[in-house]
Amino acid sequence: MKRILAPVLALVAVAFLAPGAHAAGPWRATIVDAETGQPLEGVVVVAAFTKFTKSLAGTAGGEYYGSDEVVTGADGRFEIPARNLWNPIRLFTEVRLELVVFKRGYGNHRLRVGAREEETWKQLSLTQALEQEDVIVELAPVRTPEERRAYLRQFSWPPWIPRDRMSELILTINQERASFGLEKIK
């Protein structure tokens, strides 16, 4: 009986005492214009948390675990509030963070962590990277109407985020779409 009980208790201890998610926030960054380096006010940021199931074959699934929506101030900064990502069955699940970033007249974003080499911080999860000092998110301007229209057509967010959890994002996207005569997002 002791031979069976000892490994079972060890597995339970590992499951409950092993480190949880990589970070619990808060997650911060400054959003800047990629060309000028100037902070951008009014950028909508949605942090979407997704829970995946782990298996021997890797991770699978992906269900909504929560989200937060914030808008940058005049200094271009945003902060996603701390969130409890601790999970007693973390051996079998994993929570990941995805950022959706949008500002009228801008396109894709790129993350930069201070003056560090990209290879150094690229190995971090997004939750870990956003806990570092001097995190910069660069937004590339899209100037021509054709570029802006093309970006709007391909822009997407995780479809499992409830619409009421990203109302500012939808409003801002619809304002941009309306200026080009494109159909609004419902």
N, C-alpha and C. Protein backbone atom coordinates (compact mmCIF):
# COMPACT_ATOMS: atom_id res chain seq x y z
N MET A 1 0.82 -1.19 0.00
CA MET A 1 0.00 0.00 0.00
C MET A 1 0.86 1.27 0.00
N LYS A 2 1.96 1.24 0.81
CA LYS A 2 2.84 2.40 0.86
C LYS A 2 3.48 2.67 -0.50
N ARG A 3 3.78 1.60 -1.24
CA ARG A 3 4.39 1.76 -2.56
C ARG A 3 3.46 2.51 -3.52
N ILE A 4 2.20 2.30 -3.39
CA ILE A 4 1.23 2.94 -4.27
C ILE A 4 0.90 4.35 -3.76
N LEU A 5 0.75 4.48 -2.46
CA LEU A 5 0.34 5.74 -1.88
C LEU A 5 1.41 6.83 -2.02
N ALA A 6 2.66 6.49 -1.85
CA ALA A 6 3.74 7.49 -1.91
C ALA A 6 3.79 8.18 -3.28
N PRO A 7 3.79 7.45 -4.42
CA PRO A 7 3.80 8.15 -5.71
C PRO A 7 2.55 8.98 -5.95
N VAL A 8 1.41 8.50 -5.49
CA VAL A 8 0.17 9.26 -5.67
C VAL A 8 0.24 10.57 -4.88
N LEU A 9 0.70 10.50 -3.63
CA LEU A 9 0.84 11.71 -2.83
C LEU A 9 1.87 12.66 -3.42
N ALA A 10 2.94 12.15 -3.98
CA ALA A 10 3.96 12.99 -4.62
C ALA A 10 3.36 13.73 -5.82
N LEU A 11 2.56 13.02 -6.61
CA LEU A 11 1.92 13.64 -7.78
C LEU A 11 0.94 14.73 -7.34
N VAL A 12 0.17 14.47 -6.29
CA VAL A 12 -0.77 15.47 -5.78
C VAL A 12 0.00 16.69 -5.28
N ALA A 13 1.10 16.47 -4.57
CA ALA A 13 1.90 17.58 -4.05
C ALA A 13 2.46 18.42 -5.20
N VAL A 14 2.96 17.77 -6.23
CA VAL A 14 3.48 18.50 -7.39
C VAL A 14 2.37 19.31 -8.04
N ALA A 15 1.20 18.72 -8.17
CA ALA A 15 0.08 19.40 -8.82
C ALA A 15 -0.33 20.65 -8.05
N PHE A 16 -0.29 20.60 -6.72
CA PHE A 16 -0.76 21.73 -5.94
C PHE A 16 0.34 22.69 -5.51
N LEU A 17 1.58 22.26 -5.50
CA LEU A 17 2.66 23.12 -5.02
C LEU A 17 3.55 23.65 -6.13
N ALA A 18 3.47 23.10 -7.33
CA ALA A 18 4.30 23.59 -8.44
C ALA A 18 3.90 25.01 -8.77
N PRO A 19 4.84 25.80 -9.33
CA PRO A 19 4.50 27.18 -9.67
C PRO A 19 3.31 27.22 -10.62
N GLY A 20 2.47 28.22 -10.44
CA GLY A 20 1.29 28.38 -11.30
C GLY A 20 1.65 29.05 -12.60
N ALA A 21 0.79 29.91 -13.05
CA ALA A 21 1.02 30.63 -14.30
C ALA A 21 2.28 31.47 -14.15
N HIS A 22 2.85 31.86 -15.28
CA HIS A 22 4.10 32.60 -15.25
C HIS A 22 3.97 33.98 -14.61
N ALA A 23 2.80 34.55 -14.65
CA ALA A 23 2.65 35.90 -14.12
C ALA A 23 1.23 36.11 -13.63
N ALA A 24 1.08 37.10 -12.79
CA ALA A 24 -0.25 37.44 -12.32
C ALA A 24 -0.52 38.92 -12.52
N GLY A 25 0.38 39.61 -13.21
CA GLY A 25 0.19 41.02 -13.50
C GLY A 25 0.56 41.89 -12.32
N PRO A 26 0.26 43.18 -12.43
CA PRO A 26 -0.35 43.80 -13.60
C PRO A 26 0.61 43.81 -14.80
N TRP A 27 0.02 43.96 -15.98
CA TRP A 27 0.78 43.96 -17.22
C TRP A 27 0.73 45.36 -17.80
N ARG A 28 1.93 45.91 -18.12
CA ARG A 28 2.03 47.31 -18.52
C ARG A 28 2.89 47.47 -19.76
N ALA A 29 2.61 48.55 -20.49
CA ALA A 29 3.45 48.93 -21.63
C ALA A 29 3.11 50.36 -22.03
N THR A 30 3.96 50.91 -22.87
CA THR A 30 3.71 52.22 -23.47
C THR A 30 3.56 52.00 -24.97
N ILE A 31 2.51 52.57 -25.54
CA ILE A 31 2.28 52.42 -26.98
C ILE A 31 2.76 53.69 -27.67
N VAL A 32 3.60 53.50 -28.69
CA VAL A 32 4.18 54.63 -29.41
C VAL A 32 4.00 54.47 -30.92
N ASP A 33 4.09 55.58 -31.62
CA ASP A 33 4.12 55.58 -33.08
C ASP A 33 5.45 54.95 -33.50
N ALA A 34 5.40 53.95 -34.37
CA ALA A 34 6.61 53.22 -34.76
C ALA A 34 7.62 54.10 -35.49
N GLU A 35 7.16 55.16 -36.13
CA GLU A 35 8.08 56.02 -36.88
C GLU A 35 8.65 57.15 -36.04
N THR A 36 7.81 57.78 -35.22
CA THR A 36 8.27 58.95 -34.46
C THR A 36 8.70 58.62 -33.04
N GLY A 37 8.22 57.49 -32.51
CA GLY A 37 8.52 57.13 -31.12
C GLY A 37 7.67 57.89 -30.11
N GLN A 38 6.74 58.71 -30.58
CA GLN A 38 5.89 59.49 -29.70
C GLN A 38 4.76 58.64 -29.11
N PRO A 39 4.44 58.85 -27.83
CA PRO A 39 3.34 58.10 -27.20
C PRO A 39 2.02 58.36 -27.93
N LEU A 40 1.17 57.34 -27.97
CA LEU A 40 -0.13 57.46 -28.63
C LEU A 40 -1.25 57.40 -27.61
N GLU A 41 -2.09 58.42 -27.63
CA GLU A 41 -3.25 58.49 -26.75
C GLU A 41 -4.45 57.87 -27.47
N GLY A 42 -5.35 57.25 -26.70
CA GLY A 42 -6.59 56.74 -27.27
C GLY A 42 -6.47 55.40 -27.97
N VAL A 43 -5.43 54.66 -27.68
CA VAL A 43 -5.28 53.32 -28.25
C VAL A 43 -6.10 52.35 -27.39
N VAL A 44 -6.93 51.55 -28.03
CA VAL A 44 -7.73 50.57 -27.31
C VAL A 44 -6.94 49.27 -27.22
N VAL A 45 -6.83 48.75 -26.01
CA VAL A 45 -6.10 47.50 -25.78
C VAL A 45 -7.05 46.53 -25.09
N VAL A 46 -7.20 45.35 -25.67
CA VAL A 46 -7.99 44.29 -25.05
C VAL A 46 -7.04 43.15 -24.72
N ALA A 47 -6.99 42.79 -23.45
CA ALA A 47 -6.20 41.64 -23.01
C ALA A 47 -7.15 40.46 -22.89
N ALA A 48 -6.93 39.46 -23.72
CA ALA A 48 -7.81 38.28 -23.73
C ALA A 48 -7.05 37.10 -23.13
N PHE A 49 -7.62 36.50 -22.11
CA PHE A 49 -7.04 35.33 -21.46
C PHE A 49 -7.78 34.09 -21.94
N THR A 50 -7.02 33.11 -22.39
CA THR A 50 -7.59 31.88 -22.92
C THR A 50 -7.00 30.70 -22.17
N LYS A 51 -7.86 29.75 -21.78
CA LYS A 51 -7.41 28.56 -21.07
C LYS A 51 -7.34 27.39 -22.04
N PHE A 52 -6.19 26.73 -22.07
CA PHE A 52 -5.97 25.56 -22.92
C PHE A 52 -5.80 24.32 -22.06
N THR A 53 -6.18 23.19 -22.60
CA THR A 53 -6.01 21.91 -21.93
C THR A 53 -4.71 21.29 -22.40
N LYS A 54 -3.90 20.80 -21.46
CA LYS A 54 -2.64 20.15 -21.79
C LYS A 54 -2.85 18.65 -21.92
N SER A 55 -2.09 18.07 -22.84
CA SER A 55 -2.10 16.62 -22.98
C SER A 55 -0.71 16.19 -23.40
N LEU A 56 -0.51 14.89 -23.54
CA LEU A 56 0.80 14.39 -23.99
C LEU A 56 1.12 14.87 -25.41
N ALA A 57 0.09 15.18 -26.18
CA ALA A 57 0.28 15.63 -27.56
C ALA A 57 0.46 17.15 -27.65
N GLY A 58 0.38 17.87 -26.54
CA GLY A 58 0.51 19.33 -26.54
C GLY A 58 -0.73 19.96 -25.94
N THR A 59 -0.96 21.24 -26.28
CA THR A 59 -2.14 21.92 -25.77
C THR A 59 -3.26 21.87 -26.80
N ALA A 60 -4.48 21.89 -26.30
CA ALA A 60 -5.64 21.80 -27.19
C ALA A 60 -6.75 22.69 -26.66
N GLY A 61 -7.74 22.87 -27.49
CA GLY A 61 -8.91 23.64 -27.08
C GLY A 61 -8.61 25.11 -27.06
N GLY A 62 -9.17 25.79 -26.16
CA GLY A 62 -9.01 27.22 -26.04
C GLY A 62 -10.35 27.81 -25.68
N GLU A 63 -10.57 28.04 -24.40
CA GLU A 63 -11.85 28.60 -23.98
C GLU A 63 -11.61 29.94 -23.29
N TYR A 64 -12.60 30.80 -23.41
CA TYR A 64 -12.54 32.13 -22.81
C TYR A 64 -12.32 32.01 -21.32
N TYR A 65 -11.32 32.74 -20.81
CA TYR A 65 -10.99 32.71 -19.39
C TYR A 65 -11.17 34.09 -18.75
N GLY A 66 -11.33 35.11 -19.59
CA GLY A 66 -11.53 36.47 -19.09
C GLY A 66 -10.86 37.47 -20.00
N SER A 67 -11.20 38.74 -19.82
CA SER A 67 -10.59 39.79 -20.62
C SER A 67 -10.73 41.12 -19.91
N ASP A 68 -9.88 42.06 -20.30
CA ASP A 68 -9.92 43.43 -19.80
C ASP A 68 -9.71 44.35 -20.97
N GLU A 69 -10.42 45.47 -20.97
CA GLU A 69 -10.28 46.48 -22.03
C GLU A 69 -9.85 47.79 -21.38
N VAL A 70 -8.79 48.39 -21.92
CA VAL A 70 -8.29 49.67 -21.42
C VAL A 70 -7.96 50.57 -22.61
N VAL A 71 -7.84 51.88 -22.34
CA VAL A 71 -7.50 52.86 -23.37
C VAL A 71 -6.31 53.66 -22.85
N THR A 72 -5.33 53.89 -23.73
CA THR A 72 -4.14 54.63 -23.31
C THR A 72 -4.45 56.09 -23.05
N GLY A 73 -3.71 56.67 -22.11
CA GLY A 73 -3.82 58.09 -21.80
C GLY A 73 -2.84 58.88 -22.66
N ALA A 74 -2.66 60.14 -22.33
CA ALA A 74 -1.78 61.04 -23.09
C ALA A 74 -0.33 60.55 -23.11
N ASP A 75 0.06 59.79 -22.08
CA ASP A 75 1.43 59.28 -22.02
C ASP A 75 1.61 57.97 -22.80
N GLY A 76 0.52 57.47 -23.41
CA GLY A 76 0.59 56.25 -24.20
C GLY A 76 0.63 54.97 -23.38
N ARG A 77 0.51 55.10 -22.06
CA ARG A 77 0.64 53.93 -21.19
C ARG A 77 -0.70 53.23 -20.99
N PHE A 78 -0.60 51.92 -20.81
CA PHE A 78 -1.76 51.15 -20.40
C PHE A 78 -1.34 50.17 -19.32
N GLU A 79 -2.31 49.78 -18.52
CA GLU A 79 -2.07 48.77 -17.48
C GLU A 79 -3.27 47.85 -17.43
N ILE A 80 -2.99 46.56 -17.59
CA ILE A 80 -4.01 45.53 -17.43
C ILE A 80 -3.94 45.11 -15.96
N PRO A 81 -5.06 45.20 -15.24
CA PRO A 81 -5.02 44.87 -13.81
C PRO A 81 -4.57 43.43 -13.55
N ALA A 82 -3.99 43.24 -12.38
CA ALA A 82 -3.57 41.89 -11.97
C ALA A 82 -4.76 40.95 -12.00
N ARG A 83 -4.47 39.72 -12.33
CA ARG A 83 -5.52 38.70 -12.43
C ARG A 83 -4.98 37.43 -11.81
N ASN A 84 -5.81 36.76 -11.08
CA ASN A 84 -5.40 35.50 -10.47
C ASN A 84 -5.40 34.41 -11.54
N LEU A 85 -4.22 33.99 -11.93
CA LEU A 85 -4.10 32.92 -12.92
C LEU A 85 -3.73 31.59 -12.27
N TRP A 86 -3.70 31.57 -10.93
CA TRP A 86 -3.37 30.33 -10.24
C TRP A 86 -4.41 29.28 -10.56
N ASN A 87 -3.94 28.08 -10.75
CA ASN A 87 -4.84 27.00 -11.14
C ASN A 87 -4.39 25.72 -10.45
N PRO A 88 -5.22 25.13 -9.61
CA PRO A 88 -4.81 23.92 -8.89
C PRO A 88 -4.55 22.73 -9.81
N ILE A 89 -5.08 22.75 -11.00
CA ILE A 89 -4.83 21.63 -11.92
C ILE A 89 -3.96 22.09 -13.08
N ARG A 90 -2.96 22.94 -12.77
CA ARG A 90 -2.10 23.53 -13.80
C ARG A 90 -1.27 22.51 -14.57
N LEU A 91 -1.17 21.30 -14.06
CA LEU A 91 -0.50 20.27 -14.84
C LEU A 91 -1.31 19.92 -16.07
N PHE A 92 -2.59 20.25 -16.06
CA PHE A 92 -3.48 19.86 -17.15
C PHE A 92 -4.05 21.05 -17.93
N THR A 93 -3.80 22.27 -17.44
CA THR A 93 -4.29 23.46 -18.15
C THR A 93 -3.22 24.54 -18.18
N GLU A 94 -3.40 25.48 -19.10
CA GLU A 94 -2.48 26.60 -19.24
C GLU A 94 -3.30 27.82 -19.66
N VAL A 95 -3.04 28.97 -19.04
CA VAL A 95 -3.71 30.20 -19.40
C VAL A 95 -2.73 31.07 -20.18
N ARG A 96 -3.17 31.55 -21.35
CA ARG A 96 -2.34 32.41 -22.19
C ARG A 96 -3.01 33.76 -22.38
N LEU A 97 -2.18 34.76 -22.60
CA LEU A 97 -2.64 36.13 -22.81
C LEU A 97 -2.42 36.50 -24.27
N GLU A 98 -3.41 37.16 -24.85
CA GLU A 98 -3.29 37.70 -26.20
C GLU A 98 -3.73 39.16 -26.13
N LEU A 99 -2.98 40.04 -26.81
CA LEU A 99 -3.35 41.45 -26.85
C LEU A 99 -3.96 41.80 -28.19
N VAL A 100 -5.06 42.54 -28.14
CA VAL A 100 -5.66 43.12 -29.33
C VAL A 100 -5.46 44.62 -29.17
N VAL A 101 -4.80 45.25 -30.15
CA VAL A 101 -4.45 46.66 -30.06
C VAL A 101 -5.00 47.37 -31.29
N PHE A 102 -5.72 48.50 -31.08
CA PHE A 102 -6.29 49.21 -32.23
C PHE A 102 -6.32 50.72 -31.98
N LYS A 103 -5.90 51.46 -33.01
CA LYS A 103 -6.04 52.92 -33.05
C LYS A 103 -6.31 53.31 -34.49
N ARG A 104 -7.27 54.21 -34.66
CA ARG A 104 -7.59 54.68 -36.01
C ARG A 104 -6.33 55.23 -36.68
N GLY A 105 -6.13 54.84 -37.94
CA GLY A 105 -4.99 55.32 -38.70
C GLY A 105 -3.71 54.53 -38.49
N TYR A 106 -3.79 53.45 -37.70
CA TYR A 106 -2.61 52.63 -37.42
C TYR A 106 -2.90 51.18 -37.76
N GLY A 107 -1.83 50.44 -37.97
CA GLY A 107 -1.96 49.04 -38.34
C GLY A 107 -1.38 48.11 -37.29
N ASN A 108 -0.59 47.18 -37.74
CA ASN A 108 -0.04 46.14 -36.88
C ASN A 108 0.87 46.70 -35.80
N HIS A 109 0.98 45.93 -34.71
CA HIS A 109 1.84 46.34 -33.61
C HIS A 109 3.00 45.36 -33.44
N ARG A 110 4.04 45.86 -32.77
CA ARG A 110 5.23 45.06 -32.49
C ARG A 110 5.68 45.38 -31.08
N LEU A 111 6.02 44.35 -30.34
CA LEU A 111 6.44 44.49 -28.95
C LEU A 111 7.96 44.61 -28.89
N ARG A 112 8.42 45.50 -28.00
CA ARG A 112 9.85 45.68 -27.77
C ARG A 112 10.05 45.83 -26.27
N VAL A 113 11.01 45.14 -25.71
CA VAL A 113 11.28 45.23 -24.27
C VAL A 113 12.58 45.98 -24.07
N GLY A 114 12.46 47.28 -23.77
CA GLY A 114 13.62 48.13 -23.53
C GLY A 114 14.63 48.03 -24.65
N ALA A 115 15.91 48.05 -24.27
CA ALA A 115 16.99 47.98 -25.24
C ALA A 115 17.49 46.54 -25.42
N ARG A 116 16.78 45.58 -24.84
CA ARG A 116 17.22 44.19 -24.93
C ARG A 116 17.14 43.68 -26.36
N GLU A 117 18.01 42.74 -26.64
CA GLU A 117 17.97 42.07 -27.94
C GLU A 117 16.68 41.25 -28.02
N GLU A 118 16.08 41.24 -29.18
CA GLU A 118 14.81 40.55 -29.36
C GLU A 118 14.89 39.07 -28.98
N GLU A 119 16.02 38.42 -29.28
CA GLU A 119 16.16 37.00 -28.96
C GLU A 119 16.08 36.75 -27.46
N THR A 120 16.50 37.72 -26.66
CA THR A 120 16.50 37.58 -25.21
C THR A 120 15.08 37.50 -24.67
N TRP A 121 14.21 38.41 -25.08
CA TRP A 121 12.86 38.44 -24.51
C TRP A 121 11.84 37.69 -25.34
N LYS A 122 12.15 37.32 -26.56
CA LYS A 122 11.20 36.57 -27.38
C LYS A 122 10.90 35.20 -26.78
N GLN A 123 11.77 34.72 -25.91
CA GLN A 123 11.56 33.42 -25.28
C GLN A 123 10.58 33.51 -24.11
N LEU A 124 10.22 34.73 -23.72
CA LEU A 124 9.25 34.92 -22.64
C LEU A 124 7.84 34.79 -23.19
N SER A 125 6.92 34.36 -22.33
CA SER A 125 5.52 34.41 -22.72
C SER A 125 5.10 35.88 -22.72
N LEU A 126 3.99 36.19 -23.33
CA LEU A 126 3.51 37.57 -23.34
C LEU A 126 3.27 38.07 -21.93
N THR A 127 2.73 37.21 -21.05
CA THR A 127 2.50 37.63 -19.67
C THR A 127 3.82 37.98 -18.99
N GLN A 128 4.87 37.22 -19.26
CA GLN A 128 6.18 37.52 -18.68
C GLN A 128 6.77 38.78 -19.28
N ALA A 129 6.66 38.93 -20.58
CA ALA A 129 7.24 40.10 -21.25
C ALA A 129 6.61 41.39 -20.75
N LEU A 130 5.29 41.40 -20.56
CA LEU A 130 4.60 42.62 -20.13
C LEU A 130 4.83 42.94 -18.66
N GLU A 131 5.51 42.08 -17.94
CA GLU A 131 5.89 42.38 -16.56
C GLU A 131 7.29 42.99 -16.47
N GLN A 132 7.99 43.06 -17.59
CA GLN A 132 9.33 43.64 -17.61
C GLN A 132 9.24 45.16 -17.58
N GLU A 133 10.37 45.81 -17.30
CA GLU A 133 10.44 47.27 -17.32
C GLU A 133 10.62 47.74 -18.76
N ASP A 134 10.15 48.92 -19.05
CA ASP A 134 10.35 49.57 -20.36
C ASP A 134 9.80 48.77 -21.53
N VAL A 135 8.58 48.29 -21.41
CA VAL A 135 7.96 47.56 -22.52
C VAL A 135 7.31 48.59 -23.44
N ILE A 136 7.64 48.48 -24.70
CA ILE A 136 7.13 49.40 -25.72
C ILE A 136 6.34 48.58 -26.75
N VAL A 137 5.17 49.09 -27.10
CA VAL A 137 4.40 48.51 -28.21
C VAL A 137 4.41 49.57 -29.30
N GLU A 138 4.99 49.22 -30.44
CA GLU A 138 5.06 50.14 -31.56
C GLU A 138 3.91 49.87 -32.52
N LEU A 139 3.20 50.95 -32.88
CA LEU A 139 2.12 50.85 -33.86
C LEU A 139 2.58 51.52 -35.14
N ALA A 140 2.42 50.81 -36.24
CA ALA A 140 2.83 51.33 -37.54
C ALA A 140 1.68 52.13 -38.16
N PRO A 141 1.95 53.37 -38.59
CA PRO A 141 0.90 54.15 -39.25
C PRO A 141 0.53 53.52 -40.60
N VAL A 142 -0.74 53.61 -40.94
CA VAL A 142 -1.20 53.25 -42.28
C VAL A 142 -1.82 54.52 -42.86
N ARG A 143 -1.17 55.07 -43.85
CA ARG A 143 -1.51 56.41 -44.31
C ARG A 143 -2.54 56.48 -45.43
N THR A 144 -2.38 55.65 -46.41
CA THR A 144 -3.27 55.78 -47.56
C THR A 144 -4.62 55.15 -47.26
N PRO A 145 -5.66 55.67 -47.89
CA PRO A 145 -6.98 55.06 -47.69
C PRO A 145 -7.00 53.57 -48.06
N GLU A 146 -6.25 53.20 -49.07
CA GLU A 146 -6.21 51.79 -49.48
C GLU A 146 -5.59 50.92 -48.40
N GLU A 147 -4.48 51.39 -47.79
CA GLU A 147 -3.84 50.64 -46.70
C GLU A 147 -4.78 50.52 -45.52
N ARG A 148 -5.45 51.60 -45.17
CA ARG A 148 -6.36 51.58 -44.02
C ARG A 148 -7.54 50.65 -44.26
N ARG A 149 -8.12 50.72 -45.45
CA ARG A 149 -9.23 49.83 -45.79
C ARG A 149 -8.80 48.37 -45.73
N ALA A 150 -7.63 48.08 -46.29
CA ALA A 150 -7.11 46.70 -46.29
C ALA A 150 -6.88 46.22 -44.86
N TYR A 151 -6.33 47.09 -44.01
CA TYR A 151 -6.09 46.70 -42.63
C TYR A 151 -7.41 46.42 -41.91
N LEU A 152 -8.39 47.27 -42.12
CA LEU A 152 -9.70 47.07 -41.49
C LEU A 152 -10.35 45.77 -41.92
N ARG A 153 -10.19 45.40 -43.17
CA ARG A 153 -10.81 44.16 -43.66
C ARG A 153 -10.18 42.93 -43.03
N GLN A 154 -8.87 42.99 -42.75
CA GLN A 154 -8.20 41.82 -42.20
C GLN A 154 -8.10 41.83 -40.69
N PHE A 155 -8.42 42.97 -40.05
CA PHE A 155 -8.32 43.07 -38.59
C PHE A 155 -9.29 42.11 -37.93
N SER A 156 -8.80 41.39 -36.94
CA SER A 156 -9.68 40.48 -36.22
C SER A 156 -9.26 40.39 -34.75
N TRP A 157 -10.10 39.82 -33.95
CA TRP A 157 -9.82 39.58 -32.54
C TRP A 157 -10.33 38.19 -32.22
N PRO A 158 -9.95 37.65 -31.07
CA PRO A 158 -10.44 36.31 -30.71
C PRO A 158 -11.97 36.31 -30.67
N PRO A 159 -12.60 35.48 -31.47
CA PRO A 159 -14.07 35.51 -31.57
C PRO A 159 -14.77 35.06 -30.30
N TRP A 160 -14.06 34.47 -29.36
CA TRP A 160 -14.71 33.98 -28.15
C TRP A 160 -14.82 35.06 -27.06
N ILE A 161 -14.28 36.26 -27.30
CA ILE A 161 -14.43 37.33 -26.31
C ILE A 161 -15.85 37.87 -26.40
N PRO A 162 -16.57 37.90 -25.29
CA PRO A 162 -17.92 38.47 -25.34
C PRO A 162 -17.88 39.93 -25.80
N ARG A 163 -18.80 40.30 -26.66
CA ARG A 163 -18.84 41.65 -27.23
C ARG A 163 -18.90 42.74 -26.15
N ASP A 164 -19.59 42.47 -25.05
CA ASP A 164 -19.70 43.49 -24.01
C ASP A 164 -18.39 43.69 -23.25
N ARG A 165 -17.40 42.83 -23.47
CA ARG A 165 -16.09 42.95 -22.82
C ARG A 165 -15.10 43.72 -23.69
N MET A 166 -15.57 44.20 -24.86
CA MET A 166 -14.70 44.98 -25.75
C MET A 166 -15.51 46.05 -26.48
N SER A 167 -16.38 46.73 -25.74
CA SER A 167 -17.28 47.72 -26.34
C SER A 167 -16.52 48.91 -26.93
N GLU A 168 -15.47 49.38 -26.27
CA GLU A 168 -14.69 50.51 -26.78
C GLU A 168 -13.97 50.12 -28.07
N LEU A 169 -13.46 48.90 -28.14
CA LEU A 169 -12.80 48.42 -29.35
C LEU A 169 -13.78 48.40 -30.53
N ILE A 170 -14.96 47.85 -30.31
CA ILE A 170 -15.96 47.77 -31.38
C ILE A 170 -16.37 49.17 -31.82
N LEU A 171 -16.59 50.08 -30.87
CA LEU A 171 -16.96 51.45 -31.19
C LEU A 171 -15.89 52.12 -32.06
N THR A 172 -14.63 51.98 -31.66
CA THR A 172 -13.53 52.61 -32.39
C THR A 172 -13.36 52.01 -33.78
N ILE A 173 -13.46 50.71 -33.88
CA ILE A 173 -13.36 50.06 -35.19
C ILE A 173 -14.51 50.51 -36.09
N ASN A 174 -15.71 50.58 -35.53
CA ASN A 174 -16.87 51.00 -36.33
C ASN A 174 -16.75 52.45 -36.79
N GLN A 175 -16.16 53.30 -35.99
CA GLN A 175 -15.92 54.69 -36.42
C GLN A 175 -14.97 54.71 -37.62
N GLU A 176 -13.93 53.92 -37.54
CA GLU A 176 -12.97 53.85 -38.65
C GLU A 176 -13.62 53.24 -39.89
N ARG A 177 -14.39 52.18 -39.71
CA ARG A 177 -15.06 51.52 -40.84
C ARG A 177 -16.06 52.48 -41.50
N ALA A 178 -16.80 53.23 -40.67
CA ALA A 178 -17.79 54.18 -41.21
C ALA A 178 -17.12 55.25 -42.07
N SER A 179 -15.92 55.68 -41.67
CA SER A 179 -15.23 56.71 -42.44
C SER A 179 -14.83 56.22 -43.83
N PHE A 180 -14.88 54.92 -44.05
CA PHE A 180 -14.56 54.35 -45.37
C PHE A 180 -15.78 53.70 -46.03
N GLY A 181 -16.94 53.92 -45.43
CA GLY A 181 -18.16 53.36 -46.00
C GLY A 181 -18.26 51.85 -45.88
N LEU A 182 -17.51 51.27 -44.93
CA LEU A 182 -17.57 49.83 -44.71
C LEU A 182 -18.66 49.51 -43.71
N GLU A 183 -19.19 48.31 -43.79
CA GLU A 183 -20.25 47.86 -42.89
C GLU A 183 -19.73 47.80 -41.46
N LYS A 184 -20.59 48.22 -40.52
CA LYS A 184 -20.21 48.18 -39.11
C LYS A 184 -20.22 46.75 -38.59
N ILE A 185 -19.42 46.54 -37.55
CA ILE A 185 -19.39 45.26 -36.85
C ILE A 185 -20.56 45.26 -35.87
N LYS A 186 -21.27 44.20 -35.83
CA LYS A 186 -22.43 44.11 -34.91
C LYS A 186 -21.99 43.69 -33.53
